[in-house]
């Protein structure tokens, strides 16, 4: 299969995923929950001192500074999708383990945490967002970071794993919810690579952009968001899903498909899994 044939397949798959999003464009009415952001702790002071993130971020808007951090971290954190998360989920321990260490790769869950905490340490509101596929038989999902830019007065998605973000036709950077909306309506939604060169696995930047447009469209069916955004991870999440989506049934089927241990299945609580937050929460100013 040559590059053109591969691009044709990716384009066809992208069109299918856009259609899935179009047919599930309305989100369920949920609870008006709130998200919290913590900017001050001793660990953030250590993070700034040991890894010079303030110097790396430089000057400019919150978005521009977060882009600089993403550009710095992306090529220096090797990706390992099979990483077992044995390192505590905080930027300090993750950077000590993985930064500039080709044989110590980490996954998107942890890369997004590094960017999130680096931004929080610089008083840039930031949160992790789990973007999830429609199919419970899909063994892959993705985790990204959103930051709030005061000058644009909006949330913006940044992804350390792909080294980029998405923009609309006017070049305005988009949030996760906005990316989903653009794909569902088949409107312009461009992947912007902020690293100097495309990854070696792609023949050119057009192929890279198409791949990530397809990949994000696949994984934008429903969301989970870290509720308390600060140092470390307390495990508390908010969930956002389209109408008629049953998170309990999806999770149960997904666990069975992945041969999860019976104990995990036994602990599923249908009442707990039925709680959904209002999608409007994700557009609130921090």
Protein backbone atom coordinates (compact mmCIF):
# COMPACT_ATOMS: atom_id res chain seq x y z
CA UNK A 1 0.00 0.00 0.00
CA UNK A 2 1.48 3.35 -1.03
CA UNK A 3 1.07 6.69 0.75
CA UNK A 4 -1.79 7.88 -1.45
CA UNK A 5 -3.78 4.71 -0.82
CA UNK A 6 -3.21 5.05 2.91
CA UNK A 7 -4.38 8.67 2.84
CA UNK A 8 -7.53 7.60 0.98
CA UNK A 9 -8.30 5.07 3.70
CA UNK A 10 -7.71 7.63 6.46
CA UNK A 11 -9.95 10.12 4.67
CA UNK A 12 -12.74 7.55 4.36
CA UNK A 13 -12.43 6.68 8.04
CA UNK A 14 -12.42 10.37 8.96
CA UNK A 15 -15.67 10.83 7.06
CA UNK A 16 -17.26 7.93 8.94
CA UNK A 17 -16.17 9.27 12.32
CA UNK A 18 -17.48 12.74 11.42
CA UNK A 19 -20.83 11.13 10.61
CA UNK A 20 -20.92 9.39 13.99
CA UNK A 21 -20.34 12.73 15.70
CA UNK A 22 -23.01 14.42 13.56
CA UNK A 23 -25.59 11.83 14.54
CA UNK A 24 -24.70 12.33 18.22
CA UNK A 25 -24.16 16.07 18.24
CA UNK A 26 -26.49 16.87 21.15
CA UNK A 27 -25.14 16.27 24.64
CA UNK A 28 -27.19 14.94 27.52
CA UNK A 29 -28.51 17.46 29.98
CA UNK A 30 -26.39 17.05 33.07
CA UNK A 31 -25.52 18.52 36.41
CA UNK A 32 -24.03 22.02 36.60
CA UNK A 33 -20.85 20.83 38.30
CA UNK A 34 -17.71 22.88 38.83
CA UNK A 35 -14.00 22.40 38.21
CA UNK A 36 -11.25 23.70 40.49
CA UNK A 37 -7.72 24.89 39.68
CA UNK A 38 -4.84 25.11 42.16
CA UNK A 39 -1.78 27.19 41.29
CA UNK A 40 0.25 27.33 44.51
CA UNK A 41 2.15 24.50 46.14
CA UNK A 42 5.74 23.71 47.09
CA UNK A 43 5.99 21.13 44.31
CA UNK A 44 5.23 23.74 41.67
CA UNK A 45 8.07 25.88 43.02
CA UNK A 46 10.40 22.89 42.65
CA UNK A 47 9.08 22.25 39.16
CA UNK A 48 9.89 25.81 38.10
CA UNK A 49 13.35 25.70 39.67
CA UNK A 50 14.48 22.23 38.57
CA UNK A 51 13.09 22.28 35.03
CA UNK A 52 13.16 26.01 34.22
CA UNK A 53 9.65 25.93 32.82
CA UNK A 54 9.21 29.66 33.30
CA UNK A 55 12.18 30.34 31.02
CA UNK A 56 10.97 27.74 28.53
CA UNK A 57 7.46 29.22 28.43
CA UNK A 58 8.84 32.71 27.86
CA UNK A 59 6.62 35.75 27.52
CA UNK A 60 3.34 36.29 25.73
CA UNK A 61 -0.25 35.16 26.17
CA UNK A 62 -1.17 32.06 28.14
CA UNK A 63 -1.68 30.21 24.86
CA UNK A 64 1.68 31.27 23.46
CA UNK A 65 3.46 30.22 26.63
CA UNK A 66 1.65 26.87 26.72
CA UNK A 67 2.57 26.30 23.07
CA UNK A 68 6.23 26.89 23.94
CA UNK A 69 6.00 24.29 26.70
CA UNK A 70 4.31 21.82 24.36
CA UNK A 71 6.96 22.43 21.71
CA UNK A 72 9.67 21.76 24.31
CA UNK A 73 8.19 18.62 25.85
CA UNK A 74 6.86 16.90 22.71
CA UNK A 75 10.19 15.69 21.25
CA UNK A 76 11.73 15.04 24.68
CA UNK A 77 9.08 12.65 25.99
CA UNK A 78 9.12 9.34 24.15
CA UNK A 79 5.71 7.76 23.66
CA UNK A 80 5.00 4.30 25.06
CA UNK A 81 1.36 3.26 24.81
CA UNK A 82 2.06 0.17 26.92
CA UNK A 83 3.45 2.18 29.85
CA UNK A 84 1.98 0.67 33.03
CA UNK A 85 1.60 3.93 34.99
CA UNK A 86 3.88 2.74 37.77
CA UNK A 87 5.23 6.27 38.31
CA UNK A 88 3.08 8.52 40.51
CA UNK A 89 1.01 10.82 38.32
CA UNK A 90 2.64 14.20 38.93
CA UNK A 91 4.96 16.29 36.78
CA UNK A 92 8.00 16.08 39.06
CA UNK A 93 8.18 12.30 39.26
CA UNK A 94 7.21 11.83 35.63
CA UNK A 95 9.87 14.26 34.39
CA UNK A 96 12.54 12.63 36.54
CA UNK A 97 11.62 9.31 35.01
CA UNK A 98 11.13 10.22 31.36
CA UNK A 99 12.52 13.60 30.24
CA UNK A 100 15.24 13.10 27.60
CA UNK A 101 15.28 9.35 28.33
CA UNK A 102 14.51 7.47 25.11
CA UNK A 103 14.14 4.13 26.91
CA UNK A 104 11.72 5.48 29.53
CA UNK A 105 8.64 6.26 27.48
CA UNK A 106 5.29 7.26 28.94
CA UNK A 107 1.74 7.44 27.62
CA UNK A 108 -0.64 10.30 26.84
CA UNK A 109 -2.19 10.11 30.31
CA UNK A 110 1.10 11.15 31.84
CA UNK A 111 2.33 13.49 29.11
CA UNK A 112 -0.83 15.52 29.49
CA UNK A 113 -0.24 15.65 33.26
CA UNK A 114 3.24 17.11 32.76
CA UNK A 115 1.89 19.90 30.54
CA UNK A 116 -1.09 20.52 32.83
CA UNK A 117 1.02 20.95 35.97
CA UNK A 118 3.66 22.99 34.16
CA UNK A 119 0.93 25.42 33.09
CA UNK A 120 -0.66 25.49 36.55
CA UNK A 121 2.75 26.27 38.06
CA UNK A 122 2.81 29.36 35.81
CA UNK A 123 -0.74 30.26 36.90
CA UNK A 124 -2.24 29.22 33.57
CA UNK A 125 -5.54 27.37 34.16
CA UNK A 126 -5.14 23.86 32.77
CA UNK A 127 -6.98 20.54 32.91
CA UNK A 128 -6.69 17.04 31.50
CA UNK A 129 -9.42 15.78 29.18
CA UNK A 130 -10.00 12.12 28.31
CA UNK A 131 -11.42 11.90 24.79
CA UNK A 132 -13.24 8.62 24.32
CA UNK A 133 -14.43 6.55 21.33
CA UNK A 134 -17.99 5.54 20.54
CA UNK A 135 -17.32 1.80 20.39
CA UNK A 136 -16.83 -0.20 23.61
CA UNK A 137 -14.76 -2.58 21.48
CA UNK A 138 -12.19 0.11 20.77
CA UNK A 139 -9.20 -0.50 23.06
CA UNK A 140 -7.72 2.95 22.43
CA UNK A 141 -8.55 6.41 23.76
CA UNK A 142 -6.55 9.60 24.23
CA UNK A 143 -5.81 12.19 26.92
CA UNK A 144 -5.01 15.83 26.14
CA UNK A 145 -4.56 19.12 27.98
CA UNK A 146 -6.77 22.19 27.77
CA UNK A 147 -5.57 25.62 28.86
CA UNK A 148 -7.51 28.85 29.32
CA UNK A 149 -6.26 31.91 27.46
CA UNK A 150 -7.37 35.23 28.95
CA UNK A 151 -6.71 37.23 25.80
CA UNK A 152 -8.91 34.99 23.65
CA UNK A 153 -11.25 34.30 26.59
CA UNK A 154 -11.57 30.65 25.71
CA UNK A 155 -10.32 27.13 26.35
CA UNK A 156 -7.77 25.66 23.93
CA UNK A 157 -6.68 22.06 23.47
CA UNK A 158 -2.96 21.24 23.32
CA UNK A 159 -1.56 17.76 22.81
CA UNK A 160 2.00 16.88 23.82
CA UNK A 161 1.71 13.42 22.22
CA UNK A 162 0.99 14.69 18.71
CA UNK A 163 2.82 17.97 19.27
CA UNK A 164 0.00 20.16 18.08
CA UNK A 165 -3.46 21.70 18.33
CA UNK A 166 -6.44 22.42 16.06
CA UNK A 167 -7.69 25.67 14.50
CA UNK A 168 -10.78 26.79 12.61
CA UNK A 169 -10.85 28.41 9.17
CA UNK A 170 -9.79 31.74 10.67
CA UNK A 171 -6.82 30.20 12.48
CA UNK A 172 -8.39 30.44 15.95
CA UNK A 173 -7.20 27.63 18.24
CA UNK A 174 -10.02 25.35 19.40
CA UNK A 175 -11.17 23.58 22.54
CA UNK A 176 -12.07 19.89 22.64
CA UNK A 177 -15.79 20.69 22.41
CA UNK A 178 -15.20 23.05 19.48
CA UNK A 179 -13.10 20.47 17.62
CA UNK A 180 -15.91 17.96 18.03
CA UNK A 181 -18.42 20.46 16.71
CA UNK A 182 -16.33 21.31 13.66
CA UNK A 183 -15.84 17.66 12.75
CA UNK A 184 -19.53 16.85 13.22
CA UNK A 185 -20.53 19.58 10.73
CA UNK A 186 -17.67 18.78 8.34
CA UNK A 187 -16.28 22.29 8.81
CA UNK A 188 -12.64 23.32 8.60
CA UNK A 189 -10.67 21.94 11.52
CA UNK A 190 -6.94 21.95 10.84
CA UNK A 191 -4.25 20.16 12.81
CA UNK A 192 -1.30 22.47 13.51
CA UNK A 193 2.06 20.82 14.17
CA UNK A 194 4.13 23.05 16.45
CA UNK A 195 7.23 20.84 16.31
CA UNK A 196 9.68 21.68 13.54
CA UNK A 197 9.28 18.43 11.59
CA UNK A 198 6.59 15.80 11.22
CA UNK A 199 7.15 12.43 12.87
CA UNK A 200 9.23 9.90 10.90
CA UNK A 201 6.26 7.54 10.53
CA UNK A 202 4.52 10.05 8.21
CA UNK A 203 5.51 10.72 4.62
CA UNK A 204 4.76 14.44 4.90
CA UNK A 205 2.88 16.99 7.01
CA UNK A 206 -0.33 16.50 5.03
CA UNK A 207 -0.33 12.82 5.95
CA UNK A 208 0.39 13.66 9.57
CA UNK A 209 -2.45 16.20 9.72
CA UNK A 210 -4.92 13.76 8.14
CA UNK A 211 -3.90 11.01 10.55
CA UNK A 212 -4.49 13.19 13.61
CA UNK A 213 -7.75 14.59 12.26
CA UNK A 214 -8.95 11.00 11.84
CA UNK A 215 -7.58 9.95 15.23
CA UNK A 216 -9.21 12.82 17.13
CA UNK A 217 -12.53 12.44 15.32
CA UNK A 218 -12.59 8.78 16.39
CA UNK A 219 -11.98 9.68 20.02
CA UNK A 220 -14.27 12.67 20.46
CA UNK A 221 -17.52 10.84 21.18
CA UNK A 222 -17.61 11.40 24.96
CA UNK A 223 -15.34 13.04 27.54
CA UNK A 224 -14.01 12.75 31.05
CA UNK A 225 -12.33 15.72 32.75
CA UNK A 226 -10.20 15.96 35.86
CA UNK A 227 -12.38 17.73 38.46
CA UNK A 228 -9.67 19.03 40.81
CA UNK A 229 -6.76 20.35 38.80
CA UNK A 230 -3.59 20.71 40.82
CA UNK A 231 -0.54 18.72 41.83
CA UNK A 232 -1.08 14.96 41.54
CA UNK A 233 -4.30 13.13 40.76
CA UNK A 234 -7.11 12.47 43.25
CA UNK A 235 -9.00 10.35 40.71
CA UNK A 236 -12.15 12.47 40.71
CA UNK A 237 -13.65 13.06 37.25
CA UNK A 238 -16.60 14.72 35.58
CA UNK A 239 -18.22 12.98 32.61
CA UNK A 240 -19.83 14.45 29.49
CA UNK A 241 -21.73 12.37 26.95
CA UNK A 242 -24.20 12.63 24.06
CA UNK A 243 -27.88 11.94 24.52
CA UNK A 244 -28.82 8.24 24.57
CA UNK A 245 -25.27 7.25 25.61
CA UNK A 246 -25.15 4.80 28.52
CA UNK A 247 -21.76 5.08 30.22
CA UNK A 248 -22.49 2.17 32.55
CA UNK A 249 -23.36 -0.19 29.67
CA UNK A 250 -20.39 1.07 27.62
CA UNK A 251 -17.94 0.53 30.49
CA UNK A 252 -19.29 -2.93 31.32
CA UNK A 253 -19.07 -4.06 27.70
CA UNK A 254 -15.60 -2.54 27.33
CA UNK A 255 -14.32 -4.35 30.42
CA UNK A 256 -15.76 -7.65 29.22
CA UNK A 257 -14.22 -7.17 25.79
CA UNK A 258 -10.84 -6.47 27.37
CA UNK A 259 -11.11 -9.56 29.60
CA UNK A 260 -11.15 -7.48 32.76
CA UNK A 261 -11.02 -9.34 36.03
CA UNK A 262 -14.43 -10.23 37.47
CA UNK A 263 -13.79 -8.12 40.57
CA UNK A 264 -13.65 -4.94 38.49
CA UNK A 265 -16.93 -5.84 36.83
CA UNK A 266 -18.54 -6.58 40.18
CA UNK A 267 -17.65 -3.14 41.52
CA UNK A 268 -19.43 -1.27 38.70
CA UNK A 269 -22.17 0.87 40.18
CA UNK A 270 -24.92 1.72 37.71
CA UNK A 271 -26.14 4.70 39.74
CA UNK A 272 -22.63 6.15 39.94
CA UNK A 273 -22.03 5.63 36.24
CA UNK A 274 -25.29 7.32 35.30
CA UNK A 275 -24.11 10.72 36.58
CA UNK A 276 -23.38 13.10 33.71
CA UNK A 277 -22.29 16.76 33.88
CA UNK A 278 -23.63 19.55 31.69
CA UNK A 279 -21.44 20.17 28.66
CA UNK A 280 -21.69 23.92 29.38
CA UNK A 281 -19.31 23.37 32.33
CA UNK A 282 -16.44 23.00 29.87
CA UNK A 283 -16.90 26.53 28.51
CA UNK A 284 -16.98 28.29 31.88
CA UNK A 285 -14.18 30.70 32.73
CA UNK A 286 -11.93 29.31 35.48
